[in-house]
């Protein structure tokens, strides 16, 4: 099995390439989708509440992504420090789920896994790939 990482700039067409490869039979692992899953994990919700306060948790008990973004990227906070804190909470869990999805695919007859993750190189997830395609 081959794992292909898709990287490129904002709006460069990474997801389009991933979809096209999926149409050709590849399994696509979306870092964005996994990131959303991780934000629904009760332990992550609690850690986010502990780090950024109850204001970033919606009435339904889930992370209010807009409110969290305001705290992490807002002008009243050091965004580099806040982003690093958020990444320490989420990235290890995202990486674990990416590895799990790749392992699950190995149990099928699929020959190609496409990893579509915007922060792949920054996060070190490119190490999971056999090939990197720049879009």
Protein backbone atom coordinates (compact mmCIF):
# COMPACT_ATOMS: atom_id res chain seq x y z
CA UNK A 1 0.00 0.00 0.00
CA UNK A 2 1.18 3.51 -0.80
CA UNK A 3 0.32 6.61 1.24
CA UNK A 4 0.27 9.82 -0.78
CA UNK A 5 0.29 13.15 1.03
CA UNK A 6 -1.32 16.11 -0.74
CA UNK A 7 0.18 19.52 0.10
CA UNK A 8 -0.14 22.98 -1.41
CA UNK A 9 -1.23 26.51 -0.78
CA UNK A 10 -4.63 27.75 0.31
CA UNK A 11 -7.26 27.13 -2.39
CA UNK A 12 -4.70 25.38 -4.61
CA UNK A 13 -6.96 22.41 -5.30
CA UNK A 14 -5.67 19.86 -2.77
CA UNK A 15 -9.14 18.57 -1.96
CA UNK A 16 -10.03 18.42 -5.65
CA UNK A 17 -6.98 16.24 -6.33
CA UNK A 18 -7.88 14.07 -3.33
CA UNK A 19 -11.45 13.65 -4.64
CA UNK A 20 -10.17 12.73 -8.10
CA UNK A 21 -7.83 10.12 -6.62
CA UNK A 22 -10.77 8.79 -4.60
CA UNK A 23 -12.77 8.44 -7.83
CA UNK A 24 -9.87 6.33 -9.15
CA UNK A 25 -10.11 4.01 -6.13
CA UNK A 26 -7.93 5.59 -3.45
CA UNK A 27 -9.00 5.88 0.17
CA UNK A 28 -8.90 9.51 1.30
CA UNK A 29 -8.04 10.41 4.88
CA UNK A 30 -9.05 14.00 5.54
CA UNK A 31 -7.16 15.82 8.26
CA UNK A 32 -9.92 18.44 8.34
CA UNK A 33 -12.64 15.86 8.96
CA UNK A 34 -10.55 14.17 11.63
CA UNK A 35 -9.88 17.55 13.25
CA UNK A 36 -13.65 18.11 13.49
CA UNK A 37 -14.06 14.64 15.02
CA UNK A 38 -11.36 15.40 17.59
CA UNK A 39 -13.14 18.61 18.59
CA UNK A 40 -16.19 16.47 19.48
CA UNK A 41 -14.15 14.19 21.78
CA UNK A 42 -15.39 14.84 25.36
CA UNK A 43 -11.84 14.91 26.74
CA UNK A 44 -10.81 17.48 24.13
CA UNK A 45 -13.90 19.57 24.89
CA UNK A 46 -12.91 19.55 28.57
CA UNK A 47 -9.30 20.51 27.82
CA UNK A 48 -10.45 23.33 25.58
CA UNK A 49 -12.83 24.55 28.30
CA UNK A 50 -9.97 24.41 30.81
CA UNK A 51 -7.64 26.36 28.51
CA UNK A 52 -9.97 28.96 26.98
CA UNK A 53 -12.96 29.10 29.30
CA UNK A 54 -16.61 28.06 29.13
CA UNK A 55 -17.31 30.81 26.59
CA UNK A 56 -15.86 28.63 23.82
CA UNK A 57 -18.30 25.82 24.56
CA UNK A 58 -21.77 26.06 23.03
CA UNK A 59 -25.04 25.44 24.80
CA UNK A 60 -25.06 21.96 23.27
CA UNK A 61 -21.76 21.15 25.02
CA UNK A 62 -19.65 21.15 21.86
CA UNK A 63 -16.75 23.40 20.96
CA UNK A 64 -17.90 26.66 19.41
CA UNK A 65 -15.25 26.80 16.69
CA UNK A 66 -15.83 30.49 15.96
CA UNK A 67 -15.48 31.45 19.62
CA UNK A 68 -12.36 29.29 19.95
CA UNK A 69 -10.87 30.87 16.83
CA UNK A 70 -11.54 34.28 18.35
CA UNK A 71 -9.59 33.28 21.45
CA UNK A 72 -6.75 31.62 19.56
CA UNK A 73 -6.37 34.19 16.76
CA UNK A 74 -7.94 37.25 18.40
CA UNK A 75 -6.03 40.48 18.85
CA UNK A 76 -6.23 40.22 22.64
CA UNK A 77 -4.05 37.11 22.78
CA UNK A 78 -0.66 35.99 21.57
CA UNK A 79 -1.87 33.91 18.64
CA UNK A 80 1.39 31.97 18.24
CA UNK A 81 1.27 30.85 21.86
CA UNK A 82 -2.48 30.15 21.75
CA UNK A 83 -2.19 28.20 18.49
CA UNK A 84 0.66 26.11 19.90
CA UNK A 85 -1.50 25.35 22.95
CA UNK A 86 -4.43 24.27 20.77
CA UNK A 87 -2.13 22.12 18.63
CA UNK A 88 -0.80 20.40 21.76
CA UNK A 89 -4.38 19.44 22.62
CA UNK A 90 -5.52 18.37 19.15
CA UNK A 91 -2.57 17.30 16.99
CA UNK A 92 -1.53 14.15 18.87
CA UNK A 93 -5.13 12.91 18.70
CA UNK A 94 -5.43 13.81 15.02
CA UNK A 95 -2.14 12.00 14.28
CA UNK A 96 -3.37 8.90 16.13
CA UNK A 97 -6.60 8.83 14.13
CA UNK A 98 -4.73 9.34 10.85
CA UNK A 99 -2.50 6.37 11.68
CA UNK A 100 -5.57 4.30 12.63
CA UNK A 101 -7.29 5.11 9.31
CA UNK A 102 -4.17 4.14 7.39
CA UNK A 103 -3.95 0.86 9.34
CA UNK A 104 -7.65 0.17 8.72
CA UNK A 105 -7.11 0.64 5.00
CA UNK A 106 -4.25 -1.87 5.02
CA UNK A 107 -6.87 -4.50 5.96
CA UNK A 108 -8.78 -3.82 2.71
CA UNK A 109 -7.90 -4.38 -0.92
CA UNK A 110 -7.20 -0.66 -1.46
CA UNK A 111 -3.68 0.05 -2.71
CA UNK A 112 -3.57 3.83 -2.23
CA UNK A 113 -4.30 6.09 0.73
CA UNK A 114 -4.39 9.83 0.14
CA UNK A 115 -3.72 12.04 3.15
CA UNK A 116 -5.31 15.46 2.68
CA UNK A 117 -4.18 17.57 5.63
CA UNK A 118 -3.43 21.28 5.39
CA UNK A 119 -0.83 21.29 8.17
CA UNK A 120 0.73 17.95 7.23
CA UNK A 121 4.33 19.12 6.97
CA UNK A 122 4.18 21.45 9.97
CA UNK A 123 2.73 18.65 12.09
CA UNK A 124 5.13 15.99 10.88
CA UNK A 125 2.36 13.85 9.42
CA UNK A 126 4.27 13.81 6.12
CA UNK A 127 6.45 11.14 7.78
CA UNK A 128 3.45 8.80 7.40
CA UNK A 129 3.56 9.23 3.61
CA UNK A 130 5.49 7.34 0.98
CA UNK A 131 5.03 10.13 -1.55
CA UNK A 132 4.20 13.83 -1.34
CA UNK A 133 2.33 15.58 -4.15
CA UNK A 134 2.48 19.38 -4.24
CA UNK A 135 -0.57 21.02 -5.78
